[in-house]
Structures are given as structure tokens and as C-alpha cells.
């Protein structure tokens, strides 16, 4: 889900978080986090939970925002 990866990167920006910061918070390497968020592939449920926790929000909130982004993108097209 490309929009989920986009939303995660957007939240990183809002929280002024780097890939290294998110990697530390999720107990992964920076390279692994960066690869997961720049390649168009699904983020696992486990990773989604860890990432959401690092942001201080729920996984469902991240998914809601990603869906909202996707819907707005479709309306704009």
C-alpha cells in the first residue's frame, strides 16, 4: 500500500524523525526501515504496530490517514 508508506514518511516529517530515529524506536536497522518505506510493498502488521507506537499513535490511525490520503488523491485526479 503505497499510501501507507507515504503517510508513514509524512508522519516522520511531522515528528522530525529520521530513518535512523525510527529504526532505533522499532529495533530495526536504518537500512531495513528505509527499504521498507521506499519500496512499493506492504508493511507487515508487526512493523505497522511498531511504527505507530514510535509515533505515539495507533496502527488504525495510520491506516485511516493513509486511506484518507488515497481518497483525496483519487478525487484530485
PDB file of N, CA and C in Angstrom:
ATOM      1  N   UNK A   1       0.844  -1.175   0.000  1.00  0.00           N
ATOM      2  CA  UNK A   1       0.000   0.000   0.000  1.00  0.00           C
ATOM      3  C   UNK A   1       0.891   1.240   0.000  1.00  0.00           C
ATOM      4  N   UNK A   2       1.025   1.803  -1.158  1.00  0.00           N
ATOM      5  CA  UNK A   2       1.898   2.968  -1.327  1.00  0.00           C
ATOM      6  C   UNK A   2       1.468   4.138  -0.454  1.00  0.00           C
ATOM      7  N   UNK A   3       0.165   4.334  -0.306  1.00  0.00           N
ATOM      8  CA  UNK A   3      -0.308   5.463   0.501  1.00  0.00           C
ATOM      9  C   UNK A   3       0.059   5.301   1.974  1.00  0.00           C
ATOM     10  N   UNK A   4       0.160   4.070   2.465  1.00  0.00           N
ATOM     11  CA  UNK A   4       0.582   3.854   3.851  1.00  0.00           C
ATOM     12  C   UNK A   4       2.043   4.256   4.016  1.00  0.00           C
ATOM     13  N   UNK A   5       2.895   3.839   3.088  1.00  0.00           N
ATOM     14  CA  UNK A   5       4.298   4.239   3.147  1.00  0.00           C
ATOM     15  C   UNK A   5       4.428   5.755   3.072  1.00  0.00           C
ATOM     16  N   UNK A   6       3.629   6.381   2.227  1.00  0.00           N
ATOM     17  CA  UNK A   6       3.635   7.840   2.111  1.00  0.00           C
ATOM     18  C   UNK A   6       3.220   8.480   3.421  1.00  0.00           C
ATOM     19  N   UNK A   7       2.192   7.955   4.052  1.00  0.00           N
ATOM     20  CA  UNK A   7       1.722   8.511   5.329  1.00  0.00           C
ATOM     21  C   UNK A   7       2.757   8.322   6.431  1.00  0.00           C
ATOM     22  N   UNK A   8       3.419   7.185   6.451  1.00  0.00           N
ATOM     23  CA  UNK A   8       4.464   6.956   7.458  1.00  0.00           C
ATOM     24  C   UNK A   8       5.591   7.968   7.269  1.00  0.00           C
ATOM     25  N   UNK A   9       6.011   8.178   6.031  1.00  0.00           N
ATOM     26  CA  UNK A   9       7.068   9.170   5.787  1.00  0.00           C
ATOM     27  C   UNK A   9       6.595  10.573   6.144  1.00  0.00           C
ATOM     28  N   UNK A  10       5.331  10.884   5.892  1.00  0.00           N
ATOM     29  CA  UNK A  10       4.785  12.194   6.259  1.00  0.00           C
ATOM     30  C   UNK A  10       4.793  12.373   7.775  1.00  0.00           C
ATOM     31  N   UNK A  11       4.417  11.332   8.501  1.00  0.00           N
ATOM     32  CA  UNK A  11       4.418  11.407   9.967  1.00  0.00           C
ATOM     33  C   UNK A  11       5.842  11.537  10.495  1.00  0.00           C
ATOM     34  N   UNK A  12       6.778  10.887   9.841  1.00  0.00           N
ATOM     35  CA  UNK A  12       8.184  11.070  10.222  1.00  0.00           C
ATOM     36  C   UNK A  12       8.561  12.545  10.106  1.00  0.00           C
ATOM     37  N   UNK A  13       8.132  13.176   9.037  1.00  0.00           N
ATOM     38  CA  UNK A  13       8.418  14.596   8.849  1.00  0.00           C
ATOM     39  C   UNK A  13       7.751  15.461   9.900  1.00  0.00           C
ATOM     40  N   UNK A  14       6.487  15.173  10.195  1.00  0.00           N
ATOM     41  CA  UNK A  14       5.769  15.957  11.205  1.00  0.00           C
ATOM     42  C   UNK A  14       6.448  15.848  12.566  1.00  0.00           C
ATOM     43  N   UNK A  15       6.997  14.672  12.844  1.00  0.00           N
ATOM     44  CA  UNK A  15       7.641  14.455  14.138  1.00  0.00           C
ATOM     45  C   UNK A  15       9.151  14.699  14.082  1.00  0.00           C
ATOM     46  N   UNK A  16       9.614  15.176  12.921  1.00  0.00           N
ATOM     47  CA  UNK A  16      11.047  15.439  12.718  1.00  0.00           C
ATOM     48  C   UNK A  16      11.893  14.207  13.067  1.00  0.00           C
ATOM     49  N   UNK A  17      11.450  13.086  12.540  1.00  0.00           N
ATOM     50  CA  UNK A  17      12.088  11.807  12.810  1.00  0.00           C
ATOM     51  C   UNK A  17      12.838  11.352  11.559  1.00  0.00           C
ATOM     52  N   UNK A  18      14.053  10.888  11.721  1.00  0.00           N
ATOM     53  CA  UNK A  18      14.831  10.352  10.607  1.00  0.00           C
ATOM     54  C   UNK A  18      14.603   8.847  10.504  1.00  0.00           C
ATOM     55  N   UNK A  19      15.097   8.263   9.408  1.00  0.00           N
ATOM     56  CA  UNK A  19      15.036   6.806   9.291  1.00  0.00           C
ATOM     57  C   UNK A  19      15.788   6.167  10.453  1.00  0.00           C
ATOM     58  N   UNK A  20      16.911   6.755  10.846  1.00  0.00           N
ATOM     59  CA  UNK A  20      17.693   6.216  11.972  1.00  0.00           C
ATOM     60  C   UNK A  20      16.895   6.277  13.269  1.00  0.00           C
ATOM     61  N   UNK A  21      16.176   7.386  13.490  1.00  0.00           N
ATOM     62  CA  UNK A  21      15.341   7.508  14.692  1.00  0.00           C
ATOM     63  C   UNK A  21      14.261   6.429  14.716  1.00  0.00           C
ATOM     64  N   UNK A  22      13.585   6.263  13.587  1.00  0.00           N
ATOM     65  CA  UNK A  22      12.520   5.265  13.512  1.00  0.00           C
ATOM     66  C   UNK A  22      13.091   3.853  13.658  1.00  0.00           C
ATOM     67  N   UNK A  23      14.257   3.633  13.093  1.00  0.00           N
ATOM     68  CA  UNK A  23      14.902   2.321  13.220  1.00  0.00           C
ATOM     69  C   UNK A  23      15.189   2.001  14.682  1.00  0.00           C
ATOM     70  N   UNK A  24      15.734   2.968  15.409  1.00  0.00           N
ATOM     71  CA  UNK A  24      16.009   2.743  16.836  1.00  0.00           C
ATOM     72  C   UNK A  24      14.717   2.459  17.597  1.00  0.00           C
ATOM     73  N   UNK A  25      13.679   3.223  17.291  1.00  0.00           N
ATOM     74  CA  UNK A  25      12.403   3.081  18.003  1.00  0.00           C
ATOM     75  C   UNK A  25      11.710   1.754  17.711  1.00  0.00           C
ATOM     76  N   UNK A  26      12.006   1.166  16.562  1.00  0.00           N
ATOM     77  CA  UNK A  26      11.355  -0.092  16.172  1.00  0.00           C
ATOM     78  C   UNK A  26      12.304  -1.287  16.225  1.00  0.00           C
ATOM     79  N   UNK A  27      13.517  -1.047  16.728  1.00  0.00           N
ATOM     80  CA  UNK A  27      14.514  -2.108  16.887  1.00  0.00           C
ATOM     81  C   UNK A  27      14.852  -2.778  15.557  1.00  0.00           C
ATOM     82  N   UNK A  28      15.089  -1.938  14.532  1.00  0.00           N
ATOM     83  CA  UNK A  28      15.474  -2.415  13.211  1.00  0.00           C
ATOM     84  C   UNK A  28      16.677  -1.601  12.751  1.00  0.00           C
ATOM     85  N   UNK A  29      17.282  -2.025  11.665  1.00  0.00           N
ATOM     86  CA  UNK A  29      18.369  -1.223  11.106  1.00  0.00           C
ATOM     87  C   UNK A  29      17.783  -0.082  10.282  1.00  0.00           C
ATOM     88  N   UNK A  30      18.559   0.979  10.128  1.00  0.00           N
ATOM     89  CA  UNK A  30      18.121   2.109   9.311  1.00  0.00           C
ATOM     90  C   UNK A  30      17.867   1.651   7.884  1.00  0.00           C
ATOM     91  N   UNK A  31      18.749   0.803   7.378  1.00  0.00           N
ATOM     92  CA  UNK A  31      18.605   0.321   6.005  1.00  0.00           C
ATOM     93  C   UNK A  31      17.306  -0.456   5.825  1.00  0.00           C
ATOM     94  N   UNK A  32      16.957  -1.276   6.806  1.00  0.00           N
ATOM     95  CA  UNK A  32      15.724  -2.066   6.709  1.00  0.00           C
ATOM     96  C   UNK A  32      14.504  -1.159   6.697  1.00  0.00           C
ATOM     97  N   UNK A  33      14.490  -0.168   7.583  1.00  0.00           N
ATOM     98  CA  UNK A  33      13.357   0.764   7.640  1.00  0.00           C
ATOM     99  C   UNK A  33      13.258   1.546   6.338  1.00  0.00           C
ATOM    100  N   UNK A  34      14.370   2.071   5.871  1.00  0.00           N
ATOM    101  CA  UNK A  34      14.361   2.860   4.642  1.00  0.00           C
ATOM    102  C   UNK A  34      13.891   2.024   3.459  1.00  0.00           C
ATOM    103  N   UNK A  35      14.368   0.800   3.364  1.00  0.00           N
ATOM    104  CA  UNK A  35      13.968  -0.085   2.260  1.00  0.00           C
ATOM    105  C   UNK A  35      12.465  -0.361   2.303  1.00  0.00           C
ATOM    106  N   UNK A  36      11.939  -0.618   3.502  1.00  0.00           N
ATOM    107  CA  UNK A  36      10.509  -0.917   3.635  1.00  0.00           C
ATOM    108  C   UNK A  36       9.641   0.270   3.240  1.00  0.00           C
ATOM    109  N   UNK A  37      10.129   1.482   3.487  1.00  0.00           N
ATOM    110  CA  UNK A  37       9.302   2.659   3.242  1.00  0.00           C
ATOM    111  C   UNK A  37       9.524   3.299   1.882  1.00  0.00           C
ATOM    112  N   UNK A  38      10.542   2.871   1.147  1.00  0.00           N
ATOM    113  CA  UNK A  38      10.771   3.451  -0.171  1.00  0.00           C
ATOM    114  C   UNK A  38      10.440   2.483  -1.299  1.00  0.00           C
ATOM    115  N   UNK A  39      10.296   1.219  -0.983  1.00  0.00           N
ATOM    116  CA  UNK A  39       9.917   0.215  -1.971  1.00  0.00           C
ATOM    117  C   UNK A  39       8.406   0.040  -1.880  1.00  0.00           C
ATOM    118  N   UNK A  40       7.757  -0.043  -3.025  1.00  0.00           N
ATOM    119  CA  UNK A  40       6.310  -0.205  -3.024  1.00  0.00           C
ATOM    120  C   UNK A  40       5.962  -1.653  -2.692  1.00  0.00           C
ATOM    121  N   UNK A  41       5.818  -1.892  -1.403  1.00  0.00           N
ATOM    122  CA  UNK A  41       5.376  -3.200  -0.927  1.00  0.00           C
ATOM    123  C   UNK A  41       4.709  -2.989   0.420  1.00  0.00           C
ATOM    124  N   UNK A  42       3.968  -3.964   0.837  1.00  0.00           N
ATOM    125  CA  UNK A  42       3.192  -3.835   2.071  1.00  0.00           C
ATOM    126  C   UNK A  42       4.092  -3.876   3.304  1.00  0.00           C
ATOM    127  N   UNK A  43       3.789  -3.016   4.258  1.00  0.00           N
ATOM    128  CA  UNK A  43       4.431  -3.044   5.568  1.00  0.00           C
ATOM    129  C   UNK A  43       3.717  -4.128   6.368  1.00  0.00           C
ATOM    130  N   UNK A  44       4.474  -4.970   7.057  1.00  0.00           N
ATOM    131  CA  UNK A  44       3.844  -6.047   7.824  1.00  0.00           C
ATOM    132  C   UNK A  44       3.045  -5.471   8.994  1.00  0.00           C
ATOM    133  N   UNK A  45       2.099  -6.237   9.487  1.00  0.00           N
ATOM    134  CA  UNK A  45       1.287  -5.813  10.634  1.00  0.00           C
ATOM    135  C   UNK A  45       2.179  -5.541  11.841  1.00  0.00           C
ATOM    136  N   UNK A  46       3.150  -6.417  12.068  1.00  0.00           N
ATOM    137  CA  UNK A  46       4.066  -6.225  13.191  1.00  0.00           C
ATOM    138  C   UNK A  46       4.844  -4.927  13.076  1.00  0.00           C
ATOM    139  N   UNK A  47       5.360  -4.649  11.866  1.00  0.00           N
ATOM    140  CA  UNK A  47       6.091  -3.397  11.651  1.00  0.00           C
ATOM    141  C   UNK A  47       5.165  -2.197  11.788  1.00  0.00           C
ATOM    142  N   UNK A  48       3.949  -2.323  11.293  1.00  0.00           N
ATOM    143  CA  UNK A  48       2.991  -1.227  11.398  1.00  0.00           C
ATOM    144  C   UNK A  48       2.731  -0.875  12.861  1.00  0.00           C
ATOM    145  N   UNK A  49       2.551  -1.878  13.690  1.00  0.00           N
ATOM    146  CA  UNK A  49       2.331  -1.653  15.127  1.00  0.00           C
ATOM    147  C   UNK A  49       3.536  -0.960  15.759  1.00  0.00           C
ATOM    148  N   UNK A  50       4.738  -1.427  15.444  1.00  0.00           N
ATOM    149  CA  UNK A  50       5.955  -0.827  15.998  1.00  0.00           C
ATOM    150  C   UNK A  50       6.106   0.622  15.554  1.00  0.00           C
ATOM    151  N   UNK A  51       5.849   0.877  14.286  1.00  0.00           N
ATOM    152  CA  UNK A  51       5.981   2.230  13.746  1.00  0.00           C
ATOM    153  C   UNK A  51       4.958   3.156  14.396  1.00  0.00           C
ATOM    154  N   UNK A  52       3.718   2.704  14.480  1.00  0.00           N
ATOM    155  CA  UNK A  52       2.675   3.520  15.110  1.00  0.00           C
ATOM    156  C   UNK A  52       3.031   3.826  16.559  1.00  0.00           C
ATOM    157  N   UNK A  53       3.520   2.832  17.283  1.00  0.00           N
ATOM    158  CA  UNK A  53       3.932   3.050  18.671  1.00  0.00           C
ATOM    159  C   UNK A  53       5.048   4.081  18.756  1.00  0.00           C
ATOM    160  N   UNK A  54       5.985   4.032  17.822  1.00  0.00           N
ATOM    161  CA  UNK A  54       7.081   5.002  17.809  1.00  0.00           C
ATOM    162  C   UNK A  54       6.559   6.423  17.612  1.00  0.00           C
ATOM    163  N   UNK A  55       5.453   6.556  16.872  1.00  0.00           N
ATOM    164  CA  UNK A  55       4.843   7.865  16.636  1.00  0.00           C
ATOM    165  C   UNK A  55       3.909   8.284  17.764  1.00  0.00           C
ATOM    166  N   UNK A  56       3.567   7.338  18.632  1.00  0.00           N
ATOM    167  CA  UNK A  56       2.630   7.643  19.708  1.00  0.00           C
ATOM    168  C   UNK A  56       1.182   7.662  19.255  1.00  0.00           C
ATOM    169  N   UNK A  57       0.896   6.921  18.172  1.00  0.00           N
ATOM    170  CA  UNK A  57      -0.472   6.809  17.666  1.00  0.00           C
ATOM    171  C   UNK A  57      -0.772   5.331  17.437  1.00  0.00           C
ATOM    172  N   UNK A  58      -2.007   5.022  17.083  1.00  0.00           N
ATOM    173  CA  UNK A  58      -2.381   3.632  16.833  1.00  0.00           C
ATOM    174  C   UNK A  58      -2.156   3.267  15.368  1.00  0.00           C
ATOM    175  N   UNK A  59      -2.025   1.977  15.130  1.00  0.00           N
ATOM    176  CA  UNK A  59      -1.900   1.494  13.761  1.00  0.00           C
ATOM    177  C   UNK A  59      -3.156   1.840  12.968  1.00  0.00           C
ATOM    178  N   UNK A  60      -4.306   1.763  13.609  1.00  0.00           N
ATOM    179  CA  UNK A  60      -5.554   2.086  12.903  1.00  0.00           C
ATOM    180  C   UNK A  60      -5.587   3.556  12.494  1.00  0.00           C
ATOM    181  N   UNK A  61      -4.992   4.433  13.292  1.00  0.00           N
ATOM    182  CA  UNK A  61      -4.931   5.851  12.920  1.00  0.00           C
ATOM    183  C   UNK A  61      -4.033   6.044  11.701  1.00  0.00           C
ATOM    184  N   UNK A  62      -2.916   5.356  11.659  1.00  0.00           N
ATOM    185  CA  UNK A  62      -2.048   5.441  10.479  1.00  0.00           C
ATOM    186  C   UNK A  62      -2.776   4.939   9.240  1.00  0.00           C
ATOM    187  N   UNK A  63      -3.485   3.825   9.375  1.00  0.00           N
ATOM    188  CA  UNK A  63      -4.245   3.283   8.245  1.00  0.00           C
ATOM    189  C   UNK A  63      -5.357   4.231   7.817  1.00  0.00           C
ATOM    190  N   UNK A  64      -6.032   4.858   8.782  1.00  0.00           N
ATOM    191  CA  UNK A  64      -7.095   5.812   8.462  1.00  0.00           C
ATOM    192  C   UNK A  64      -6.531   6.981   7.658  1.00  0.00           C
ATOM    193  N   UNK A  65      -5.395   7.504   8.093  1.00  0.00           N
ATOM    194  CA  UNK A  65      -4.768   8.624   7.389  1.00  0.00           C
ATOM    195  C   UNK A  65      -4.336   8.225   5.984  1.00  0.00           C
ATOM    196  N   UNK A  66      -3.805   7.007   5.849  1.00  0.00           N
ATOM    197  CA  UNK A  66      -3.387   6.529   4.535  1.00  0.00           C
ATOM    198  C   UNK A  66      -4.591   6.400   3.606  1.00  0.00           C
ATOM    199  N   UNK A  67      -5.696   5.903   4.141  1.00  0.00           N
ATOM    200  CA  UNK A  67      -6.915   5.776   3.340  1.00  0.00           C
ATOM    201  C   UNK A  67      -7.437   7.159   2.944  1.00  0.00           C
ATOM    202  N   UNK A  68      -7.381   8.093   3.866  1.00  0.00           N
ATOM    203  CA  UNK A  68      -7.812   9.463   3.576  1.00  0.00           C
ATOM    204  C   UNK A  68      -6.947  10.072   2.476  1.00  0.00           C
ATOM    205  N   UNK A  69      -5.646   9.856   2.555  1.00  0.00           N
ATOM    206  CA  UNK A  69      -4.720  10.338   1.528  1.00  0.00           C
ATOM    207  C   UNK A  69      -5.079   9.739   0.172  1.00  0.00           C
ATOM    208  N   UNK A  70      -5.313   8.436   0.151  1.00  0.00           N
ATOM    209  CA  UNK A  70      -5.652   7.744  -1.091  1.00  0.00           C
ATOM    210  C   UNK A  70      -6.959   8.281  -1.678  1.00  0.00           C
ATOM    211  N   UNK A  71      -7.962   8.481  -0.831  1.00  0.00           N
ATOM    212  CA  UNK A  71      -9.247   9.010  -1.298  1.00  0.00           C
ATOM    213  C   UNK A  71      -9.100  10.421  -1.844  1.00  0.00           C
ATOM    214  N   UNK A  72      -8.314  11.255  -1.183  1.00  0.00           N
ATOM    215  CA  UNK A  72      -8.097  12.623  -1.657  1.00  0.00           C
ATOM    216  C   UNK A  72      -7.338  12.637  -2.968  1.00  0.00           C
ATOM    217  N   UNK A  73      -6.412  11.701  -3.126  1.00  0.00           N
ATOM    218  CA  UNK A  73      -5.638  11.598  -4.355  1.00  0.00           C
ATOM    219  C   UNK A  73      -6.552  11.232  -5.521  1.00  0.00           C
ATOM    220  N   UNK A  74      -7.493  10.315  -5.281  1.00  0.00           N
ATOM    221  CA  UNK A  74      -8.422   9.885  -6.325  1.00  0.00           C
ATOM    222  C   UNK A  74      -9.365  11.013  -6.722  1.00  0.00           C
ATOM    223  N   UNK A  75      -9.810  11.801  -5.759  1.00  0.00           N
ATOM    224  CA  UNK A  75     -10.719  12.913  -6.037  1.00  0.00           C
ATOM    225  C   UNK A  75     -10.012  13.982  -6.857  1.00  0.00           C
ATOM    226  N   UNK A  76      -8.729  14.193  -6.583  1.00  0.00           N
ATOM    227  CA  UNK A  76      -7.951  15.217  -7.280  1.00  0.00           C
ATOM    228  C   UNK A  76      -7.652  14.831  -8.719  1.00  0.00           C
ATOM    229  N   UNK A  77      -7.648  13.530  -9.007  1.00  0.00           N
ATOM    230  CA  UNK A  77      -7.272  13.054 -10.346  1.00  0.00           C
ATOM    231  C   UNK A  77      -8.339  13.303 -11.369  1.00  0.00           C
TER     232      UNK A  77
END
